[in-house]
Amino acid sequence: MTGLEMIAVAAAGFAAGGINAVVGSGTLVSFPVLLAVGIPPVPATISNSLGLIAGNASGAFGYRRELRGQRRRLLGLLPASVLGGLTGAFLLLHLPASTFEAVVPVLIALAVTLVAVQPLVQRALARRRSPDDVEQPIGPGRNAALFGGAYLTGTYGGYFAASQGVLQIGIFGLLLREPLQRLNALKNVLTLAVNTVAAGAYVVVATDRVNWTAAGLLAAGSLVGGYVSSRYGRTLPEPVLRTAIVVLGLVAIAVLLSR
C-alpha cells in the first residue's frame, strides 16, 4: 500500500470503530476501502474482522455503564454468539471464494437496507417501552429465541460482519423491554465476542489470507474511534451518519460487481 492508502485505511478504521460503537455497520465503511486499495474480498473480510476487534473492545468499554444489571443475560447469550462466530468463520474459510464473492453483494444490500430502515425499527421499539422500563423476568420461550437470535447473528457476523449489530438490536429489541442504549451496550459486547472468535479462527487456519498491514492500521484507527464515539458519538446527527453508511455500502456493491 502507498502512504495515502495507509492513511485511508487507518481513517476507515477510525470511522468504522466509531460507527460500530453507536450504530453498528462500521464494516460498510472499512470494507469498501479495503477493496479500493486492492485487497480481494475474502482477505479483506478476514483482515477487517481482525482489525476492528480493538474498536469493538473500546466501544464496549465505553458503554460499560449501560451494561449494569445485564450480567446474567450477557453470560447466557455469549455462548450462542461464540458458537455463531465459529460457524460463520467455518463457512467463510471452507466455502469457495467464488461463493463469497457472489453472496457478499446480497449481504451488503441487506445490510444497507437494515441501516436505512433502522429508524423505523427504533421508533417501533420506543413505542413499546417507556424510559422507566426495567429488566423483567422472561420465560423459556423468549430465552430460547434470544439464544437463537444471538447464534444466527453471530453466524452472520462470523461470515460477513456488516450490520451484525443492527440485526442484534432489531431482534433483541423485539424480545426485551429495555432502553435502546442498554440494547446497544449488549450488542457491543456480543459483537466483540463474535469478531474475536472469528478472527482467532482466521489467524489459526488462514494466516496467509490476513493482510497484516491493513489489519494493524484498522486496529489503530478503530481503537481510537470506538473510544471517542462511545463517549461523544451519541451527539452525532444520525441522518448524516446513516446516509454516509448507505452510500458507502452502495459503493462496495458497485466495486464487487465490477470485479
C-alpha atoms as a PDB file:
ATOM      1  CA  MET A   1       0.000   0.000   0.000  1.00  0.00           C
ATOM      2  CA  THR A   2       1.063   3.569  -0.660  1.00  0.00           C
ATOM      3  CA  GLY A   3       1.238   6.137   2.102  1.00  0.00           C
ATOM      4  CA  LEU A   4      -2.092   7.669   1.090  1.00  0.00           C
ATOM      5  CA  GLU A   5      -3.733   4.231   1.032  1.00  0.00           C
ATOM      6  CA  MET A   6      -2.435   3.503   4.527  1.00  0.00           C
ATOM      7  CA  ILE A   7      -3.875   6.798   5.778  1.00  0.00           C
ATOM      8  CA  ALA A   8      -7.202   5.933   4.117  1.00  0.00           C
ATOM      9  CA  VAL A   9      -7.317   2.501   5.789  1.00  0.00           C
ATOM     10  CA  ALA A  10      -6.490   3.942   9.221  1.00  0.00           C
ATOM     11  CA  ALA A  11      -9.144   6.642   8.756  1.00  0.00           C
ATOM     12  CA  ALA A  12     -11.648   3.979   7.708  1.00  0.00           C
ATOM     13  CA  GLY A  13     -10.798   2.074  10.883  1.00  0.00           C
ATOM     14  CA  PHE A  14     -11.424   5.190  12.976  1.00  0.00           C
ATOM     15  CA  ALA A  15     -14.788   5.760  11.299  1.00  0.00           C
ATOM     16  CA  ALA A  16     -15.790   2.087  11.464  1.00  0.00           C
ATOM     17  CA  GLY A  17     -14.851   1.804  15.147  1.00  0.00           C
ATOM     18  CA  GLY A  18     -16.893   4.886  15.952  1.00  0.00           C
ATOM     19  CA  ILE A  19     -19.897   3.805  13.903  1.00  0.00           C
ATOM     20  CA  ASN A  20     -19.872   0.310  15.396  1.00  0.00           C
ATOM     21  CA  ALA A  21     -19.942   1.722  18.923  1.00  0.00           C
ATOM     22  CA  VAL A  22     -23.092   3.788  18.433  1.00  0.00           C
ATOM     23  CA  VAL A  23     -24.932   2.318  15.440  1.00  0.00           C
ATOM     24  CA  GLY A  24     -23.333  -0.808  14.005  1.00  0.00           C
ATOM     25  CA  SER A  25     -22.460  -1.332  10.322  1.00  0.00           C
ATOM     26  CA  GLY A  26     -18.954   0.134  10.508  1.00  0.00           C
ATOM     27  CA  THR A  27     -17.841  -2.623   8.127  1.00  0.00           C
ATOM     28  CA  LEU A  28     -19.759  -0.811   5.400  1.00  0.00           C
ATOM     29  CA  VAL A  29     -17.122   1.922   5.741  1.00  0.00           C
ATOM     30  CA  SER A  30     -13.964  -0.139   6.170  1.00  0.00           C
ATOM     31  CA  PHE A  31     -14.729  -2.988   3.734  1.00  0.00           C
ATOM     32  CA  PRO A  32     -15.110  -0.782   0.616  1.00  0.00           C
ATOM     33  CA  VAL A  33     -11.845   0.984   1.477  1.00  0.00           C
ATOM     34  CA  LEU A  34     -10.009  -2.353   1.715  1.00  0.00           C
ATOM     35  CA  LEU A  35     -11.433  -3.331  -1.663  1.00  0.00           C
ATOM     36  CA  ALA A  36     -10.432   0.043  -3.104  1.00  0.00           C
ATOM     37  CA  VAL A  37      -6.777  -0.408  -2.088  1.00  0.00           C
ATOM     38  CA  GLY A  38      -6.675  -3.735  -3.931  1.00  0.00           C
ATOM     39  CA  ILE A  39      -7.321  -6.375  -1.265  1.00  0.00           C
ATOM     40  CA  PRO A  40      -9.501  -9.269  -2.553  1.00  0.00           C
ATOM     41  CA  PRO A  41     -12.908  -9.793  -0.886  1.00  0.00           C
ATOM     42  CA  VAL A  42     -12.139 -12.798   1.352  1.00  0.00           C
ATOM     43  CA  PRO A  43      -8.786 -11.467   2.671  1.00  0.00           C
ATOM     44  CA  ALA A  44     -10.465  -8.070   3.070  1.00  0.00           C
ATOM     45  CA  THR A  45     -13.195  -9.606   5.240  1.00  0.00           C
ATOM     46  CA  ILE A  46     -10.677 -11.544   7.343  1.00  0.00           C
ATOM     47  CA  SER A  47      -8.399  -8.527   7.804  1.00  0.00           C
ATOM     48  CA  ASN A  48     -11.377  -6.289   8.536  1.00  0.00           C
ATOM     49  CA  SER A  49     -12.726  -8.568  11.282  1.00  0.00           C
ATOM     50  CA  LEU A  50      -9.294  -8.808  12.863  1.00  0.00           C
ATOM     51  CA  GLY A  51      -8.656  -5.071  12.667  1.00  0.00           C
ATOM     52  CA  LEU A  52     -11.984  -3.957  14.116  1.00  0.00           C
ATOM     53  CA  ILE A  53     -11.678  -6.021  17.320  1.00  0.00           C
ATOM     54  CA  ALA A  54      -9.814  -3.169  19.016  1.00  0.00           C
ATOM     55  CA  GLY A  55     -12.680  -0.789  18.220  1.00  0.00           C
ATOM     56  CA  ASN A  56     -15.241  -3.314  19.446  1.00  0.00           C
ATOM     57  CA  ALA A  57     -13.349  -3.540  22.746  1.00  0.00           C
ATOM     58  CA  SER A  58     -13.049   0.214  23.274  1.00  0.00           C
ATOM     59  CA  GLY A  59     -16.695   0.718  22.317  1.00  0.00           C
ATOM     60  CA  ALA A  60     -17.849  -1.987  24.738  1.00  0.00           C
ATOM     61  CA  PHE A  61     -15.734  -0.415  27.486  1.00  0.00           C
ATOM     62  CA  GLY A  62     -17.227   2.988  26.778  1.00  0.00           C
ATOM     63  CA  TYR A  63     -20.735   1.566  27.222  1.00  0.00           C
ATOM     64  CA  ARG A  64     -19.939  -0.287  30.464  1.00  0.00           C
ATOM     65  CA  ARG A  65     -22.380   1.885  32.453  1.00  0.00           C
ATOM     66  CA  GLU A  66     -25.303   0.637  30.335  1.00  0.00           C
ATOM     67  CA  LEU A  67     -24.257  -2.963  30.990  1.00  0.00           C
ATOM     68  CA  ARG A  68     -25.101  -2.758  34.684  1.00  0.00           C
ATOM     69  CA  GLY A  69     -27.717  -5.336  35.616  1.00  0.00           C
ATOM     70  CA  GLN A  70     -27.231  -7.334  32.408  1.00  0.00           C
ATOM     71  CA  ARG A  71     -24.508  -9.703  33.619  1.00  0.00           C
ATOM     72  CA  ARG A  72     -26.727 -12.797  33.776  1.00  0.00           C
ATOM     73  CA  ARG A  73     -28.260 -12.113  30.375  1.00  0.00           C
ATOM     74  CA  LEU A  74     -24.860 -11.489  28.853  1.00  0.00           C
ATOM     75  CA  LEU A  75     -23.420 -14.720  30.235  1.00  0.00           C
ATOM     76  CA  GLY A  76     -26.394 -16.590  28.793  1.00  0.00           C
ATOM     77  CA  LEU A  77     -26.003 -15.119  25.299  1.00  0.00           C
ATOM     78  CA  LEU A  78     -22.208 -15.147  24.970  1.00  0.00           C
ATOM     79  CA  PRO A  79     -22.006 -18.915  24.248  1.00  0.00           C
ATOM     80  CA  ALA A  80     -24.524 -18.506  21.423  1.00  0.00           C
ATOM     81  CA  SER A  81     -22.536 -15.632  19.917  1.00  0.00           C
ATOM     82  CA  VAL A  82     -19.273 -17.563  20.213  1.00  0.00           C
ATOM     83  CA  LEU A  83     -20.779 -20.635  18.524  1.00  0.00           C
ATOM     84  CA  GLY A  84     -22.266 -18.439  15.822  1.00  0.00           C
ATOM     85  CA  GLY A  85     -18.958 -16.672  15.208  1.00  0.00           C
ATOM     86  CA  LEU A  86     -17.183 -20.023  14.826  1.00  0.00           C
ATOM     87  CA  THR A  87     -19.896 -21.252  12.451  1.00  0.00           C
ATOM     88  CA  GLY A  88     -19.607 -18.151  10.300  1.00  0.00           C
ATOM     89  CA  ALA A  89     -15.807 -18.372  10.246  1.00  0.00           C
ATOM     90  CA  PHE A  90     -16.028 -22.039   9.214  1.00  0.00           C
ATOM     91  CA  LEU A  91     -18.333 -21.128   6.331  1.00  0.00           C
ATOM     92  CA  LEU A  92     -16.058 -18.308   5.183  1.00  0.00           C
ATOM     93  CA  LEU A  93     -12.953 -20.482   5.265  1.00  0.00           C
ATOM     94  CA  HIS A  94     -14.466 -23.585   3.672  1.00  0.00           C
ATOM     95  CA  LEU A  95     -16.878 -22.289   1.069  1.00  0.00           C
ATOM     96  CA  PRO A  96     -15.259 -21.343  -2.262  1.00  0.00           C
ATOM     97  CA  ALA A  97     -14.167 -17.741  -2.642  1.00  0.00           C
ATOM     98  CA  SER A  98     -16.474 -17.525  -5.649  1.00  0.00           C
ATOM     99  CA  THR A  99     -19.427 -18.282  -3.375  1.00  0.00           C
ATOM    100  CA  PHE A 100     -18.419 -15.472  -1.034  1.00  0.00           C
ATOM    101  CA  GLU A 101     -17.987 -13.027  -3.905  1.00  0.00           C
ATOM    102  CA  ALA A 102     -21.431 -13.964  -5.222  1.00  0.00           C
ATOM    103  CA  VAL A 103     -23.153 -13.750  -1.826  1.00  0.00           C
ATOM    104  CA  VAL A 104     -21.491 -10.629  -0.406  1.00  0.00           C
ATOM    105  CA  PRO A 105     -23.244  -8.080  -2.671  1.00  0.00           C
ATOM    106  CA  VAL A 106     -26.549  -9.551  -1.478  1.00  0.00           C
ATOM    107  CA  LEU A 107     -25.411  -9.381   2.161  1.00  0.00           C
ATOM    108  CA  ILE A 108     -24.276  -5.780   1.728  1.00  0.00           C
ATOM    109  CA  ALA A 109     -27.600  -4.889   0.103  1.00  0.00           C
ATOM    110  CA  LEU A 110     -29.361  -6.474   3.094  1.00  0.00           C
ATOM    111  CA  ALA A 111     -27.104  -4.573   5.476  1.00  0.00           C
ATOM    112  CA  VAL A 112     -27.707  -1.264   3.682  1.00  0.00           C
ATOM    113  CA  THR A 113     -31.463  -1.869   3.819  1.00  0.00           C
ATOM    114  CA  LEU A 114     -31.265  -2.614   7.546  1.00  0.00           C
ATOM    115  CA  VAL A 115     -29.299   0.570   8.177  1.00  0.00           C
ATOM    116  CA  ALA A 116     -31.808   2.579   6.152  1.00  0.00           C
ATOM    117  CA  VAL A 117     -34.861   1.210   7.981  1.00  0.00           C
ATOM    118  CA  GLN A 118     -33.291   1.184  11.446  1.00  0.00           C
ATOM    119  CA  PRO A 119     -35.021   4.475  12.456  1.00  0.00           C
ATOM    120  CA  LEU A 120     -38.383   2.811  11.773  1.00  0.00           C
ATOM    121  CA  VAL A 121     -37.360  -0.126  13.963  1.00  0.00           C
ATOM    122  CA  GLN A 122     -36.167   2.216  16.702  1.00  0.00           C
ATOM    123  CA  ARG A 123     -39.422   4.183  16.668  1.00  0.00           C
ATOM    124  CA  ALA A 124     -41.423   0.958  16.820  1.00  0.00           C
ATOM    125  CA  LEU A 125     -39.338  -0.245  19.771  1.00  0.00           C
ATOM    126  CA  ALA A 126     -39.654   3.109  21.528  1.00  0.00           C
ATOM    127  CA  ARG A 127     -43.442   2.872  21.319  1.00  0.00           C
ATOM    128  CA  ARG A 128     -43.274  -0.472  23.125  1.00  0.00           C
ATOM    129  CA  ARG A 129     -41.401   0.870  26.137  1.00  0.00           C
ATOM    130  CA  SER A 130     -41.003   3.907  28.345  1.00  0.00           C
ATOM    131  CA  PRO A 131     -37.761   5.360  29.744  1.00  0.00           C
ATOM    132  CA  ASP A 132     -38.684   3.876  33.126  1.00  0.00           C
ATOM    133  CA  ASP A 133     -38.841   0.297  31.858  1.00  0.00           C
ATOM    134  CA  VAL A 134     -36.584  -2.102  33.743  1.00  0.00           C
ATOM    135  CA  GLU A 135     -35.450  -5.635  33.124  1.00  0.00           C
ATOM    136  CA  GLN A 136     -38.258  -8.140  33.669  1.00  0.00           C
ATOM    137  CA  PRO A 137     -38.009 -11.911  34.121  1.00  0.00           C
ATOM    138  CA  ILE A 138     -38.666 -13.668  30.838  1.00  0.00           C
ATOM    139  CA  GLY A 139     -39.852 -17.179  30.136  1.00  0.00           C
ATOM    140  CA  PRO A 140     -38.074 -20.111  28.496  1.00  0.00           C
ATOM    141  CA  GLY A 141     -39.615 -19.367  25.097  1.00  0.00           C
ATOM    142  CA  ARG A 142     -38.158 -15.891  24.867  1.00  0.00           C
ATOM    143  CA  ASN A 143     -34.878 -17.119  26.332  1.00  0.00           C
ATOM    144  CA  ALA A 144     -34.676 -19.687  23.538  1.00  0.00           C
ATOM    145  CA  ALA A 145     -35.498 -17.005  20.972  1.00  0.00           C
ATOM    146  CA  LEU A 146     -32.770 -14.736  22.371  1.00  0.00           C
ATOM    147  CA  PHE A 147     -30.248 -17.584  22.249  1.00  0.00           C
ATOM    148  CA  GLY A 148     -31.259 -18.428  18.686  1.00  0.00           C
ATOM    149  CA  GLY A 149     -31.062 -14.788  17.658  1.00  0.00           C
ATOM    150  CA  ALA A 150     -27.585 -14.451  19.162  1.00  0.00           C
ATOM    151  CA  TYR A 151     -26.452 -17.592  17.326  1.00  0.00           C
ATOM    152  CA  LEU A 152     -27.864 -16.557  13.953  1.00  0.00           C
ATOM    153  CA  THR A 153     -26.478 -13.019  14.133  1.00  0.00           C
ATOM    154  CA  GLY A 154     -23.161 -14.444  15.309  1.00  0.00           C
ATOM    155  CA  THR A 155     -23.071 -16.772  12.288  1.00  0.00           C
ATOM    156  CA  TYR A 156     -23.822 -13.839  10.015  1.00  0.00           C
ATOM    157  CA  GLY A 157     -21.131 -11.769  11.751  1.00  0.00           C
ATOM    158  CA  GLY A 158     -18.530 -14.530  11.515  1.00  0.00           C
ATOM    159  CA  TYR A 159     -19.160 -14.842   7.785  1.00  0.00           C
ATOM    160  CA  PHE A 160     -19.622 -11.155   6.973  1.00  0.00           C
ATOM    161  CA  ALA A 161     -19.792  -8.595   9.753  1.00  0.00           C
ATOM    162  CA  ALA A 162     -21.692  -5.693   8.165  1.00  0.00           C
ATOM    163  CA  SER A 163     -24.829  -4.721  10.123  1.00  0.00           C
ATOM    164  CA  GLN A 164     -24.449  -7.575  12.584  1.00  0.00           C
ATOM    165  CA  GLY A 165     -25.170  -5.043  15.323  1.00  0.00           C
ATOM    166  CA  VAL A 166     -28.258  -3.704  13.559  1.00  0.00           C
ATOM    167  CA  LEU A 167     -29.633  -7.243  13.342  1.00  0.00           C
ATOM    168  CA  GLN A 168     -28.912  -7.821  17.027  1.00  0.00           C
ATOM    169  CA  ILE A 169     -30.630  -4.629  18.174  1.00  0.00           C
ATOM    170  CA  GLY A 170     -33.636  -5.402  15.993  1.00  0.00           C
ATOM    171  CA  ILE A 171     -34.030  -8.951  17.332  1.00  0.00           C
ATOM    172  CA  PHE A 172     -33.249  -8.179  20.967  1.00  0.00           C
ATOM    173  CA  GLY A 173     -35.453  -5.111  20.910  1.00  0.00           C
ATOM    174  CA  LEU A 174     -38.441  -7.212  19.905  1.00  0.00           C
ATOM    175  CA  LEU A 175     -37.808  -9.673  22.744  1.00  0.00           C
ATOM    176  CA  LEU A 176     -36.644  -7.399  25.576  1.00  0.00           C
ATOM    177  CA  ARG A 177     -38.217  -4.338  27.165  1.00  0.00           C
ATOM    178  CA  GLU A 178     -35.005  -2.382  27.522  1.00  0.00           C
ATOM    179  CA  PRO A 179     -33.952   1.160  26.526  1.00  0.00           C
ATOM    180  CA  LEU A 180     -32.054   1.262  23.249  1.00  0.00           C
ATOM    181  CA  GLN A 181     -28.809   2.376  24.900  1.00  0.00           C
ATOM    182  CA  ARG A 182     -28.817  -0.781  27.058  1.00  0.00           C
ATOM    183  CA  LEU A 183     -29.507  -2.877  23.980  1.00  0.00           C
ATOM    184  CA  ASN A 184     -26.612  -1.123  22.259  1.00  0.00           C
ATOM    185  CA  ALA A 185     -24.290  -1.965  25.166  1.00  0.00           C
ATOM    186  CA  LEU A 186     -25.336  -5.626  24.943  1.00  0.00           C
ATOM    187  CA  LYS A 187     -24.783  -5.548  21.196  1.00  0.00           C
ATOM    188  CA  ASN A 188     -21.275  -4.132  21.600  1.00  0.00           C
ATOM    189  CA  VAL A 189     -20.119  -6.973  23.869  1.00  0.00           C
ATOM    190  CA  LEU A 190     -21.686  -9.731  21.757  1.00  0.00           C
ATOM    191  CA  THR A 191     -20.203  -8.261  18.579  1.00  0.00           C
ATOM    192  CA  LEU A 192     -16.805  -8.148  20.279  1.00  0.00           C
ATOM    193  CA  ALA A 193     -17.161 -11.848  21.146  1.00  0.00           C
ATOM    194  CA  VAL A 194     -18.184 -12.814  17.599  1.00  0.00           C
ATOM    195  CA  ASN A 195     -15.399 -10.861  15.911  1.00  0.00           C
ATOM    196  CA  THR A 196     -12.790 -12.110  18.367  1.00  0.00           C
ATOM    197  CA  VAL A 197     -13.540 -15.821  17.977  1.00  0.00           C
ATOM    198  CA  ALA A 198     -13.980 -15.493  14.204  1.00  0.00           C
ATOM    199  CA  ALA A 199     -10.704 -13.594  13.843  1.00  0.00           C
ATOM    200  CA  GLY A 200      -8.966 -16.148  16.070  1.00  0.00           C
ATOM    201  CA  ALA A 201     -10.156 -18.917  13.759  1.00  0.00           C
ATOM    202  CA  TYR A 202      -8.954 -16.951  10.732  1.00  0.00           C
ATOM    203  CA  VAL A 203      -5.497 -16.461  12.235  1.00  0.00           C
ATOM    204  CA  VAL A 204      -5.130 -20.128  13.203  1.00  0.00           C
ATOM    205  CA  VAL A 205      -6.432 -21.608   9.961  1.00  0.00           C
ATOM    206  CA  ALA A 206      -5.772 -18.938   7.337  1.00  0.00           C
ATOM    207  CA  THR A 207      -2.852 -16.774   8.443  1.00  0.00           C
ATOM    208  CA  ASP A 208      -1.746 -16.473   4.829  1.00  0.00           C
ATOM    209  CA  ARG A 209      -5.004 -14.706   3.967  1.00  0.00           C
ATOM    210  CA  VAL A 210      -4.587 -11.942   6.568  1.00  0.00           C
ATOM    211  CA  ASN A 211      -3.276  -8.635   5.286  1.00  0.00           C
ATOM    212  CA  TRP A 212      -1.436  -7.693   8.484  1.00  0.00           C
ATOM    213  CA  THR A 213      -0.695  -4.136   7.391  1.00  0.00           C
ATOM    214  CA  ALA A 214      -4.365  -3.426   6.766  1.00  0.00           C
ATOM    215  CA  ALA A 215      -5.423  -5.212   9.968  1.00  0.00           C
ATOM    216  CA  GLY A 216      -2.930  -3.215  12.030  1.00  0.00           C
ATOM    217  CA  LEU A 217      -3.992   0.116  10.539  1.00  0.00           C
ATOM    218  CA  LEU A 218      -7.663  -0.713  11.098  1.00  0.00           C
ATOM    219  CA  ALA A 219      -6.929  -1.757  14.678  1.00  0.00           C
ATOM    220  CA  ALA A 220      -5.156   1.510  15.484  1.00  0.00           C
ATOM    221  CA  GLY A 221      -7.899   3.610  13.920  1.00  0.00           C
ATOM    222  CA  SER A 222     -10.820   1.638  15.350  1.00  0.00           C
ATOM    223  CA  LEU A 223      -9.378   1.615  18.870  1.00  0.00           C
ATOM    224  CA  VAL A 224      -9.456   5.403  18.962  1.00  0.00           C
ATOM    225  CA  GLY A 225     -12.709   5.673  17.026  1.00  0.00           C
ATOM    226  CA  GLY A 226     -14.575   3.263  19.290  1.00  0.00           C
ATOM    227  CA  TYR A 227     -13.446   5.068  22.423  1.00  0.00           C
ATOM    228  CA  VAL A 228     -14.179   8.565  21.130  1.00  0.00           C
ATOM    229  CA  SER A 229     -17.554   7.580  19.757  1.00  0.00           C
ATOM    230  CA  SER A 230     -18.654   5.756  22.899  1.00  0.00           C
ATOM    231  CA  ARG A 231     -18.019   8.979  24.818  1.00  0.00           C
ATOM    232  CA  TYR A 232     -19.280  11.561  22.357  1.00  0.00           C
ATOM    233  CA  GLY A 233     -20.933   9.690  19.486  1.00  0.00           C
ATOM    234  CA  ARG A 234     -24.437   9.944  20.882  1.00  0.00           C
ATOM    235  CA  THR A 235     -24.406  13.599  19.806  1.00  0.00           C
ATOM    236  CA  LEU A 236     -23.654  12.887  16.125  1.00  0.00           C
ATOM    237  CA  PRO A 237     -26.519  13.626  13.706  1.00  0.00           C
ATOM    238  CA  GLU A 238     -27.773  10.146  12.830  1.00  0.00           C
ATOM    239  CA  PRO A 239     -29.260  11.059   9.407  1.00  0.00           C
ATOM    240  CA  VAL A 240     -25.844  12.211   8.163  1.00  0.00           C
ATOM    241  CA  LEU A 241     -24.110   9.137   9.533  1.00  0.00           C
ATOM    242  CA  ARG A 242     -26.776   6.816   8.160  1.00  0.00           C
ATOM    243  CA  THR A 243     -26.651   8.406   4.707  1.00  0.00           C
ATOM    244  CA  ALA A 244     -22.863   8.002   4.581  1.00  0.00           C
ATOM    245  CA  ILE A 245     -23.143   4.320   5.503  1.00  0.00           C
ATOM    246  CA  VAL A 246     -25.766   3.673   2.831  1.00  0.00           C
ATOM    247  CA  VAL A 247     -23.710   5.461   0.159  1.00  0.00           C
ATOM    248  CA  LEU A 248     -20.556   3.542   1.068  1.00  0.00           C
ATOM    249  CA  GLY A 249     -22.482   0.286   1.046  1.00  0.00           C
ATOM    250  CA  LEU A 250     -23.701   1.013  -2.470  1.00  0.00           C
ATOM    251  CA  VAL A 251     -20.120   1.834  -3.465  1.00  0.00           C
ATOM    252  CA  ALA A 252     -18.990  -1.533  -2.114  1.00  0.00           C
ATOM    253  CA  ILE A 253     -21.681  -3.314  -4.139  1.00  0.00           C
ATOM    254  CA  ALA A 254     -20.599  -1.458  -7.286  1.00  0.00           C
ATOM    255  CA  VAL A 255     -16.932  -2.338  -6.690  1.00  0.00           C
ATOM    256  CA  LEU A 256     -17.727  -6.017  -6.149  1.00  0.00           C
ATOM    257  CA  LEU A 257     -19.987  -6.273  -9.208  1.00  0.00           C
ATOM    258  CA  SER A 258     -17.363  -4.615 -11.400  1.00  0.00           C
ATOM    259  CA  ARG A 259     -14.578  -7.049 -10.457  1.00  0.00           C
END
